Amino acid sequence: MKIKLSATLVVTLCLTVVGISALAALAQEAPRITKEELKEMLGNPDVIIIDLRLGRDWENSELRIEGALKEDPGNLNSWLSKFPKEKTLVLYCA
């Protein structure tokens, strides 16, 4: 029982690390924008804003971007494909 639980934990941890690594690689290649540029994009139907903040950073924040969707950065592969490729994705993780 302990071996099965440990194996499951290791696999989950590895998948999380891979997902976060993929997100980091994506962030290095993606251009950055200013908050003023983002404000101009709000309400544009061709822009999808994704909030990637984790746990307490998101839960305790009084500031949220209107219309932003909450996604888990550790599960990048599970949600990235659900967004149309012709849309502009803005990832927020500050």
PDB file of N, CA and C in Angstrom:
ATOM      1  N   MET A   1       0.820  -1.188   0.000  1.00  0.00           N
ATOM      2  CA  MET A   1       0.000   0.000   0.000  1.00  0.00           C
ATOM      3  C   MET A   1       0.867   1.256   0.000  1.00  0.00           C
ATOM      4  N   LYS A   2       1.930   1.264   0.845  1.00  0.00           N
ATOM      5  CA  LYS A   2       2.811   2.418   0.910  1.00  0.00           C
ATOM      6  C   LYS A   2       3.544   2.626  -0.406  1.00  0.00           C
ATOM      7  N   ILE A   3       3.924   1.524  -1.062  1.00  0.00           N
ATOM      8  CA  ILE A   3       4.643   1.630  -2.337  1.00  0.00           C
ATOM      9  C   ILE A   3       3.735   2.246  -3.395  1.00  0.00           C
ATOM     10  N   LYS A   4       2.487   1.822  -3.448  1.00  0.00           N
ATOM     11  CA  LYS A   4       1.538   2.359  -4.427  1.00  0.00           C
ATOM     12  C   LYS A   4       1.300   3.848  -4.182  1.00  0.00           C
ATOM     13  N   LEU A   5       1.126   4.227  -2.928  1.00  0.00           N
ATOM     14  CA  LEU A   5       0.920   5.624  -2.574  1.00  0.00           C
ATOM     15  C   LEU A   5       2.156   6.448  -2.920  1.00  0.00           C
ATOM     16  N   SER A   6       3.331   5.927  -2.620  1.00  0.00           N
ATOM     17  CA  SER A   6       4.572   6.633  -2.935  1.00  0.00           C
ATOM     18  C   SER A   6       4.747   6.796  -4.439  1.00  0.00           C
ATOM     19  N   ALA A   7       4.439   5.752  -5.195  1.00  0.00           N
ATOM     20  CA  ALA A   7       4.553   5.825  -6.649  1.00  0.00           C
ATOM     21  C   ALA A   7       3.595   6.860  -7.216  1.00  0.00           C
ATOM     22  N   THR A   8       2.391   6.900  -6.699  1.00  0.00           N
ATOM     23  CA  THR A   8       1.409   7.882  -7.149  1.00  0.00           C
ATOM     24  C   THR A   8       1.881   9.293  -6.831  1.00  0.00           C
ATOM     25  N   LEU A   9       2.410   9.479  -5.654  1.00  0.00           N
ATOM     26  CA  LEU A   9       2.915  10.783  -5.248  1.00  0.00           C
ATOM     27  C   LEU A   9       4.075  11.222  -6.135  1.00  0.00           C
ATOM     28  N   VAL A  10       4.989  10.322  -6.436  1.00  0.00           N
ATOM     29  CA  VAL A  10       6.136  10.634  -7.286  1.00  0.00           C
ATOM     30  C   VAL A  10       5.676  11.006  -8.689  1.00  0.00           C
ATOM     31  N   VAL A  11       4.744  10.244  -9.252  1.00  0.00           N
ATOM     32  CA  VAL A  11       4.236  10.539 -10.596  1.00  0.00           C
ATOM     33  C   VAL A  11       3.550  11.901 -10.615  1.00  0.00           C
ATOM     34  N   THR A  12       2.723  12.175  -9.606  1.00  0.00           N
ATOM     35  CA  THR A  12       2.038  13.468  -9.530  1.00  0.00           C
ATOM     36  C   THR A  12       3.039  14.607  -9.426  1.00  0.00           C
ATOM     37  N   LEU A  13       4.041  14.446  -8.588  1.00  0.00           N
ATOM     38  CA  LEU A  13       5.064  15.469  -8.425  1.00  0.00           C
ATOM     39  C   LEU A  13       5.822  15.699  -9.729  1.00  0.00           C
ATOM     40  N   CYS A  14       6.172  14.620 -10.422  1.00  0.00           N
ATOM     41  CA  CYS A  14       6.888  14.746 -11.697  1.00  0.00           C
ATOM     42  C   CYS A  14       6.048  15.477 -12.736  1.00  0.00           C
ATOM     43  N   LEU A  15       4.766  15.143 -12.810  1.00  0.00           N
ATOM     44  CA  LEU A  15       3.894  15.815 -13.776  1.00  0.00           C
ATOM     45  C   LEU A  15       3.747  17.294 -13.453  1.00  0.00           C
ATOM     46  N   THR A  16       3.682  17.623 -12.175  1.00  0.00           N
ATOM     47  CA  THR A  16       3.602  19.024 -11.764  1.00  0.00           C
ATOM     48  C   THR A  16       4.876  19.767 -12.155  1.00  0.00           C
ATOM     49  N   VAL A  17       6.019  19.164 -11.912  1.00  0.00           N
ATOM     50  CA  VAL A  17       7.295  19.790 -12.272  1.00  0.00           C
ATOM     51  C   VAL A  17       7.387  19.992 -13.783  1.00  0.00           C
ATOM     52  N   VAL A  18       6.963  18.994 -14.549  1.00  0.00           N
ATOM     53  CA  VAL A  18       6.988  19.108 -16.005  1.00  0.00           C
ATOM     54  C   VAL A  18       6.070  20.243 -16.456  1.00  0.00           C
ATOM     55  N   GLY A  19       4.879  20.333 -15.878  1.00  0.00           N
ATOM     56  CA  GLY A  19       3.940  21.395 -16.230  1.00  0.00           C
ATOM     57  C   GLY A  19       4.488  22.768 -15.910  1.00  0.00           C
ATOM     58  N   ILE A  20       5.078  22.925 -14.742  1.00  0.00           N
ATOM     59  CA  ILE A  20       5.659  24.210 -14.356  1.00  0.00           C
ATOM     60  C   ILE A  20       6.855  24.541 -15.238  1.00  0.00           C
ATOM     61  N   SER A  21       7.654  23.547 -15.590  1.00  0.00           N
ATOM     62  CA  SER A  21       8.793  23.776 -16.481  1.00  0.00           C
ATOM     63  C   SER A  21       8.325  24.221 -17.854  1.00  0.00           C
ATOM     64  N   ALA A  22       7.255  23.609 -18.351  1.00  0.00           N
ATOM     65  CA  ALA A  22       6.713  23.998 -19.653  1.00  0.00           C
ATOM     66  C   ALA A  22       6.203  25.425 -19.600  1.00  0.00           C
ATOM     67  N   LEU A  23       5.554  25.794 -18.510  1.00  0.00           N
ATOM     68  CA  LEU A  23       5.061  27.153 -18.350  1.00  0.00           C
ATOM     69  C   LEU A  23       6.219  28.149 -18.292  1.00  0.00           C
ATOM     70  N   ALA A  24       7.290  27.803 -17.596  1.00  0.00           N
ATOM     71  CA  ALA A  24       8.458  28.675 -17.515  1.00  0.00           C
ATOM     72  C   ALA A  24       9.087  28.864 -18.884  1.00  0.00           C
ATOM     73  N   ALA A  25       9.184  27.800 -19.663  1.00  0.00           N
ATOM     74  CA  ALA A  25       9.727  27.906 -21.022  1.00  0.00           C
ATOM     75  C   ALA A  25       8.842  28.777 -21.886  1.00  0.00           C
ATOM     76  N   LEU A  26       7.542  28.615 -21.746  1.00  0.00           N
ATOM     77  CA  LEU A  26       6.593  29.417 -22.493  1.00  0.00           C
ATOM     78  C   LEU A  26       6.735  30.888 -22.120  1.00  0.00           C
ATOM     79  N   ALA A  27       6.904  31.174 -20.847  1.00  0.00           N
ATOM     80  CA  ALA A  27       7.035  32.550 -20.376  1.00  0.00           C
ATOM     81  C   ALA A  27       8.312  33.201 -20.884  1.00  0.00           C
ATOM     82  N   GLN A  28       9.382  32.430 -21.033  1.00  0.00           N
ATOM     83  CA  GLN A  28      10.635  32.991 -21.522  1.00  0.00           C
ATOM     84  C   GLN A  28      10.517  33.419 -22.979  1.00  0.00           C
ATOM     85  N   GLU A  29       9.684  32.731 -23.746  1.00  0.00           N
ATOM     86  CA  GLU A  29       9.524  33.027 -25.159  1.00  0.00           C
ATOM     87  C   GLU A  29       8.445  34.071 -25.413  1.00  0.00           C
ATOM     88  N   ALA A  30       7.541  34.250 -24.485  1.00  0.00           N
ATOM     89  CA  ALA A  30       6.410  35.144 -24.677  1.00  0.00           C
ATOM     90  C   ALA A  30       6.801  36.591 -24.406  1.00  0.00           C
ATOM     91  N   PRO A  31       6.250  37.503 -25.188  1.00  0.00           N
ATOM     92  CA  PRO A  31       6.523  38.925 -24.915  1.00  0.00           C
ATOM     93  C   PRO A  31       5.800  39.369 -23.652  1.00  0.00           C
ATOM     94  N   ARG A  32       6.332  40.357 -22.995  1.00  0.00           N
ATOM     95  CA  ARG A  32       5.706  40.918 -21.802  1.00  0.00           C
ATOM     96  C   ARG A  32       4.983  42.202 -22.203  1.00  0.00           C
ATOM     97  N   ILE A  33       3.907  42.499 -21.476  1.00  0.00           N
ATOM     98  CA  ILE A  33       3.168  43.724 -21.726  1.00  0.00           C
ATOM     99  C   ILE A  33       3.031  44.489 -20.423  1.00  0.00           C
ATOM    100  N   THR A  34       2.769  45.768 -20.545  1.00  0.00           N
ATOM    101  CA  THR A  34       2.574  46.609 -19.364  1.00  0.00           C
ATOM    102  C   THR A  34       1.111  46.557 -18.940  1.00  0.00           C
ATOM    103  N   LYS A  35       0.839  47.040 -17.739  1.00  0.00           N
ATOM    104  CA  LYS A  35      -0.551  47.065 -17.279  1.00  0.00           C
ATOM    105  C   LYS A  35      -1.387  48.028 -18.127  1.00  0.00           C
ATOM    106  N   GLU A  36      -0.753  49.067 -18.652  1.00  0.00           N
ATOM    107  CA  GLU A  36      -1.471  49.987 -19.527  1.00  0.00           C
ATOM    108  C   GLU A  36      -1.872  49.286 -20.827  1.00  0.00           C
ATOM    109  N   GLU A  37      -0.959  48.472 -21.374  1.00  0.00           N
ATOM    110  CA  GLU A  37      -1.282  47.718 -22.584  1.00  0.00           C
ATOM    111  C   GLU A  37      -2.398  46.712 -22.309  1.00  0.00           C
ATOM    112  N   LEU A  38      -2.359  46.087 -21.148  1.00  0.00           N
ATOM    113  CA  LEU A  38      -3.404  45.138 -20.783  1.00  0.00           C
ATOM    114  C   LEU A  38      -4.751  45.830 -20.648  1.00  0.00           C
ATOM    115  N   LYS A  39      -4.764  47.009 -20.039  1.00  0.00           N
ATOM    116  CA  LYS A  39      -6.014  47.757 -19.884  1.00  0.00           C
ATOM    117  C   LYS A  39      -6.666  48.013 -21.237  1.00  0.00           C
ATOM    118  N   GLU A  40      -5.843  48.296 -22.246  1.00  0.00           N
ATOM    119  CA  GLU A  40      -6.364  48.535 -23.592  1.00  0.00           C
ATOM    120  C   GLU A  40      -6.957  47.262 -24.204  1.00  0.00           C
ATOM    121  N   MET A  41      -6.509  46.103 -23.745  1.00  0.00           N
ATOM    122  CA  MET A  41      -6.979  44.820 -24.283  1.00  0.00           C
ATOM    123  C   MET A  41      -8.259  44.331 -23.619  1.00  0.00           C
ATOM    124  N   LEU A  42      -8.582  44.856 -22.436  1.00  0.00           N
ATOM    125  CA  LEU A  42      -9.762  44.401 -21.700  1.00  0.00           C
ATOM    126  C   LEU A  42     -11.017  44.574 -22.548  1.00  0.00           C
ATOM    127  N   GLY A  43     -11.832  43.555 -22.576  1.00  0.00           N
ATOM    128  CA  GLY A  43     -13.066  43.597 -23.341  1.00  0.00           C
ATOM    129  C   GLY A  43     -12.920  43.168 -24.793  1.00  0.00           C
ATOM    130  N   ASN A  44     -11.687  42.971 -25.248  1.00  0.00           N
ATOM    131  CA  ASN A  44     -11.451  42.525 -26.622  1.00  0.00           C
ATOM    132  C   ASN A  44     -11.797  41.037 -26.701  1.00  0.00           C
ATOM    133  N   PRO A  45     -12.721  40.647 -27.578  1.00  0.00           N
ATOM    134  CA  PRO A  45     -13.116  39.236 -27.649  1.00  0.00           C
ATOM    135  C   PRO A  45     -12.019  38.309 -28.179  1.00  0.00           C
ATOM    136  N   ASP A  46     -10.966  38.878 -28.751  1.00  0.00           N
ATOM    137  CA  ASP A  46      -9.864  38.055 -29.250  1.00  0.00           C
ATOM    138  C   ASP A  46      -8.776  37.840 -28.212  1.00  0.00           C
ATOM    139  N   VAL A  47      -8.980  38.348 -27.004  1.00  0.00           N
ATOM    140  CA  VAL A  47      -7.994  38.233 -25.927  1.00  0.00           C
ATOM    141  C   VAL A  47      -8.597  37.441 -24.772  1.00  0.00           C
ATOM    142  N   ILE A  48      -7.852  36.448 -24.302  1.00  0.00           N
ATOM    143  CA  ILE A  48      -8.251  35.660 -23.138  1.00  0.00           C
ATOM    144  C   ILE A  48      -7.193  35.872 -22.063  1.00  0.00           C
ATOM    145  N   ILE A  49      -7.619  36.363 -20.919  1.00  0.00           N
ATOM    146  CA  ILE A  49      -6.702  36.615 -19.804  1.00  0.00           C
ATOM    147  C   ILE A  49      -6.826  35.455 -18.823  1.00  0.00           C
ATOM    148  N   ILE A  50      -5.681  34.861 -18.507  1.00  0.00           N
ATOM    149  CA  ILE A  50      -5.653  33.693 -17.629  1.00  0.00           C
ATOM    150  C   ILE A  50      -4.833  34.028 -16.386  1.00  0.00           C
ATOM    151  N   ASP A  51      -5.465  33.917 -15.237  1.00  0.00           N
ATOM    152  CA  ASP A  51      -4.823  34.186 -13.949  1.00  0.00           C
ATOM    153  C   ASP A  51      -4.218  32.886 -13.444  1.00  0.00           C
ATOM    154  N   LEU A  52      -2.904  32.865 -13.289  1.00  0.00           N
ATOM    155  CA  LEU A  52      -2.187  31.659 -12.874  1.00  0.00           C
ATOM    156  C   LEU A  52      -1.698  31.707 -11.429  1.00  0.00           C
ATOM    157  N   ARG A  53      -2.164  32.687 -10.681  1.00  0.00           N
ATOM    158  CA  ARG A  53      -1.716  32.774  -9.293  1.00  0.00           C
ATOM    159  C   ARG A  53      -2.205  31.568  -8.510  1.00  0.00           C
ATOM    160  N   LEU A  54      -1.382  31.136  -7.560  1.00  0.00           N
ATOM    161  CA  LEU A  54      -1.673  29.939  -6.774  1.00  0.00           C
ATOM    162  C   LEU A  54      -2.219  30.274  -5.396  1.00  0.00           C
ATOM    163  N   GLY A  55      -2.981  29.365  -4.852  1.00  0.00           N
ATOM    164  CA  GLY A  55      -3.407  29.363  -3.461  1.00  0.00           C
ATOM    165  C   GLY A  55      -3.730  30.704  -2.868  1.00  0.00           C
ATOM    166  N   ARG A  56      -3.007  31.025  -1.828  1.00  0.00           N
ATOM    167  CA  ARG A  56      -3.283  32.253  -1.075  1.00  0.00           C
ATOM    168  C   ARG A  56      -3.009  33.516  -1.886  1.00  0.00           C
ATOM    169  N   ASP A  57      -2.067  33.446  -2.833  1.00  0.00           N
ATOM    170  CA  ASP A  57      -1.811  34.622  -3.667  1.00  0.00           C
ATOM    171  C   ASP A  57      -3.081  35.042  -4.395  1.00  0.00           C
ATOM    172  N   TRP A  58      -3.849  34.058  -4.843  1.00  0.00           N
ATOM    173  CA  TRP A  58      -5.091  34.353  -5.561  1.00  0.00           C
ATOM    174  C   TRP A  58      -6.247  34.573  -4.589  1.00  0.00           C
ATOM    175  N   GLU A  59      -6.364  33.691  -3.611  1.00  0.00           N
ATOM    176  CA  GLU A  59      -7.493  33.762  -2.677  1.00  0.00           C
ATOM    177  C   GLU A  59      -7.498  35.045  -1.861  1.00  0.00           C
ATOM    178  N   ASN A  60      -6.339  35.507  -1.433  1.00  0.00           N
ATOM    179  CA  ASN A  60      -6.249  36.683  -0.571  1.00  0.00           C
ATOM    180  C   ASN A  60      -6.137  37.990  -1.333  1.00  0.00           C
ATOM    181  N   SER A  61      -6.074  37.926  -2.628  1.00  0.00           N
ATOM    182  CA  SER A  61      -5.905  39.137  -3.419  1.00  0.00           C
ATOM    183  C   SER A  61      -7.214  39.916  -3.518  1.00  0.00           C
ATOM    184  N   GLU A  62      -7.115  41.202  -3.282  1.00  0.00           N
ATOM    185  CA  GLU A  62      -8.269  42.072  -3.479  1.00  0.00           C
ATOM    186  C   GLU A  62      -8.324  42.574  -4.911  1.00  0.00           C
ATOM    187  N   LEU A  63      -7.224  42.409  -5.619  1.00  0.00           N
ATOM    188  CA  LEU A  63      -7.149  42.879  -6.999  1.00  0.00           C
ATOM    189  C   LEU A  63      -7.223  41.698  -7.950  1.00  0.00           C
ATOM    190  N   ARG A  64      -8.217  41.715  -8.803  1.00  0.00           N
ATOM    191  CA  ARG A  64      -8.368  40.674  -9.816  1.00  0.00           C
ATOM    192  C   ARG A  64      -8.681  41.353 -11.134  1.00  0.00           C
ATOM    193  N   ILE A  65      -8.205  40.775 -12.198  1.00  0.00           N
ATOM    194  CA  ILE A  65      -8.450  41.330 -13.522  1.00  0.00           C
ATOM    195  C   ILE A  65      -9.849  40.921 -13.966  1.00  0.00           C
ATOM    196  N   GLU A  66     -10.650  41.904 -14.294  1.00  0.00           N
ATOM    197  CA  GLU A  66     -12.025  41.635 -14.705  1.00  0.00           C
ATOM    198  C   GLU A  66     -12.051  40.742 -15.940  1.00  0.00           C
ATOM    199  N   GLY A  67     -12.803  39.658 -15.849  1.00  0.00           N
ATOM    200  CA  GLY A  67     -12.945  38.739 -16.973  1.00  0.00           C
ATOM    201  C   GLY A  67     -11.867  37.678 -17.070  1.00  0.00           C
ATOM    202  N   ALA A  68     -10.873  37.736 -16.178  1.00  0.00           N
ATOM    203  CA  ALA A  68      -9.794  36.743 -16.226  1.00  0.00           C
ATOM    204  C   ALA A  68     -10.309  35.379 -15.781  1.00  0.00           C
ATOM    205  N   LEU A  69      -9.769  34.355 -16.401  1.00  0.00           N
ATOM    206  CA  LEU A  69     -10.108  32.980 -16.051  1.00  0.00           C
ATOM    207  C   LEU A  69      -9.030  32.420 -15.142  1.00  0.00           C
ATOM    208  N   LYS A  70      -9.410  31.683 -14.125  1.00  0.00           N
ATOM    209  CA  LYS A  70      -8.454  31.085 -13.185  1.00  0.00           C
ATOM    210  C   LYS A  70      -8.071  29.699 -13.683  1.00  0.00           C
ATOM    211  N   GLU A  71      -6.777  29.461 -13.848  1.00  0.00           N
ATOM    212  CA  GLU A  71      -6.265  28.149 -14.249  1.00  0.00           C
ATOM    213  C   GLU A  71      -5.088  27.785 -13.364  1.00  0.00           C
ATOM    214  N   ASP A  72      -4.812  26.495 -13.265  1.00  0.00           N
ATOM    215  CA  ASP A  72      -3.714  25.975 -12.449  1.00  0.00           C
ATOM    216  C   ASP A  72      -2.455  25.875 -13.311  1.00  0.00           C
ATOM    217  N   PRO A  73      -1.382  26.583 -12.958  1.00  0.00           N
ATOM    218  CA  PRO A  73      -0.162  26.517 -13.768  1.00  0.00           C
ATOM    219  C   PRO A  73       0.483  25.138 -13.761  1.00  0.00           C
ATOM    220  N   GLY A  74       0.183  24.322 -12.781  1.00  0.00           N
ATOM    221  CA  GLY A  74       0.730  22.976 -12.715  1.00  0.00           C
ATOM    222  C   GLY A  74       0.059  22.005 -13.671  1.00  0.00           C
ATOM    223  N   ASN A  75      -1.091  22.392 -14.207  1.00  0.00           N
ATOM    224  CA  ASN A  75      -1.834  21.532 -15.134  1.00  0.00           C
ATOM    225  C   ASN A  75      -1.928  22.161 -16.516  1.00  0.00           C
ATOM    226  N   LEU A  76      -0.878  22.773 -16.955  1.00  0.00           N
ATOM    227  CA  LEU A  76      -0.833  23.481 -18.233  1.00  0.00           C
ATOM    228  C   LEU A  76      -1.374  22.639 -19.382  1.00  0.00           C
ATOM    229  N   ASN A  77      -0.945  21.411 -19.474  1.00  0.00           N
ATOM    230  CA  ASN A  77      -1.355  20.559 -20.589  1.00  0.00           C
ATOM    231  C   ASN A  77      -2.847  20.246 -20.569  1.00  0.00           C
ATOM    232  N   SER A  78      -3.468  20.280 -19.414  1.00  0.00           N
ATOM    233  CA  SER A  78      -4.885  19.940 -19.333  1.00  0.00           C
ATOM    234  C   SER A  78      -5.795  21.086 -19.773  1.00  0.00           C
ATOM    235  N   TRP A  79      -5.340  22.325 -19.680  1.00  0.00           N
ATOM    236  CA  TRP A  79      -6.220  23.441 -20.034  1.00  0.00           C
ATOM    237  C   TRP A  79      -5.774  24.247 -21.243  1.00  0.00           C
ATOM    238  N   LEU A  80      -4.526  24.186 -21.613  1.00  0.00           N
ATOM    239  CA  LEU A  80      -4.035  25.019 -22.709  1.00  0.00           C
ATOM    240  C   LEU A  80      -4.761  24.741 -24.022  1.00  0.00           C
ATOM    241  N   SER A  81      -5.047  23.494 -24.307  1.00  0.00           N
ATOM    242  CA  SER A  81      -5.669  23.131 -25.582  1.00  0.00           C
ATOM    243  C   SER A  81      -7.143  23.519 -25.678  1.00  0.00           C
ATOM    244  N   LYS A  82      -7.766  23.900 -24.578  1.00  0.00           N
ATOM    245  CA  LYS A  82      -9.185  24.260 -24.642  1.00  0.00           C
ATOM    246  C   LYS A  82      -9.415  25.675 -25.180  1.00  0.00           C
ATOM    247  N   PHE A  83      -8.344  26.455 -25.289  1.00  0.00           N
ATOM    248  CA  PHE A  83      -8.474  27.811 -25.808  1.00  0.00           C
ATOM    249  C   PHE A  83      -8.157  27.846 -27.301  1.00  0.00           C
ATOM    250  N   PRO A  84      -8.961  28.584 -28.087  1.00  0.00           N
ATOM    251  CA  PRO A  84      -8.721  28.653 -29.533  1.00  0.00           C
ATOM    252  C   PRO A  84      -7.342  29.223 -29.849  1.00  0.00           C
ATOM    253  N   LYS A  85      -6.677  28.620 -30.821  1.00  0.00           N
ATOM    254  CA  LYS A  85      -5.329  29.045 -31.192  1.00  0.00           C
ATOM    255  C   LYS A  85      -5.301  30.442 -31.805  1.00  0.00           C
ATOM    256  N   GLU A  86      -6.430  30.895 -32.357  1.00  0.00           N
ATOM    257  CA  GLU A  86      -6.455  32.218 -32.985  1.00  0.00           C
ATOM    258  C   GLU A  86      -6.632  33.350 -31.969  1.00  0.00           C
ATOM    259  N   LYS A  87      -6.860  33.003 -30.715  1.00  0.00           N
ATOM    260  CA  LYS A  87      -6.995  34.010 -29.661  1.00  0.00           C
ATOM    261  C   LYS A  87      -5.628  34.355 -29.076  1.00  0.00           C
ATOM    262  N   THR A  88      -5.520  35.542 -28.521  1.00  0.00           N
ATOM    263  CA  THR A  88      -4.319  35.955 -27.812  1.00  0.00           C
ATOM    264  C   THR A  88      -4.491  35.614 -26.340  1.00  0.00           C
ATOM    265  N   LEU A  89      -3.578  34.815 -25.791  1.00  0.00           N
ATOM    266  CA  LEU A  89      -3.630  34.456 -24.379  1.00  0.00           C
ATOM    267  C   LEU A  89      -2.696  35.371 -23.599  1.00  0.00           C
ATOM    268  N   VAL A  90      -3.221  35.962 -22.548  1.00  0.00           N
ATOM    269  CA  VAL A  90      -2.434  36.776 -21.636  1.00  0.00           C
ATOM    270  C   VAL A  90      -2.381  36.023 -20.326  1.00  0.00           C
ATOM    271  N   LEU A  91      -1.175  35.615 -19.916  1.00  0.00           N
ATOM    272  CA  LEU A  91      -0.995  34.852 -18.687  1.00  0.00           C
ATOM    273  C   LEU A  91      -0.544  35.794 -17.575  1.00  0.00           C
ATOM    274  N   TYR A  92      -1.279  35.786 -16.480  1.00  0.00           N
ATOM    275  CA  TYR A  92      -0.965  36.641 -15.346  1.00  0.00           C
ATOM    276  C   TYR A  92      -0.564  35.787 -14.165  1.00  0.00           C
ATOM    277  N   CYS A  93       0.631  36.045 -13.621  1.00  0.00           N
ATOM    278  CA  CYS A  93       1.096  35.228 -12.502  1.00  0.00           C
ATOM    279  C   CYS A  93       1.825  36.038 -11.441  1.00  0.00           C
ATOM    280  N   ALA A  94       1.650  37.331 -11.415  1.00  0.00           N
ATOM    281  CA  ALA A  94       2.377  38.154 -10.454  1.00  0.00           C
ATOM    282  C   ALA A  94       1.818  38.073  -9.063  1.00  0.00           C
TER     283      ALA A  94
END
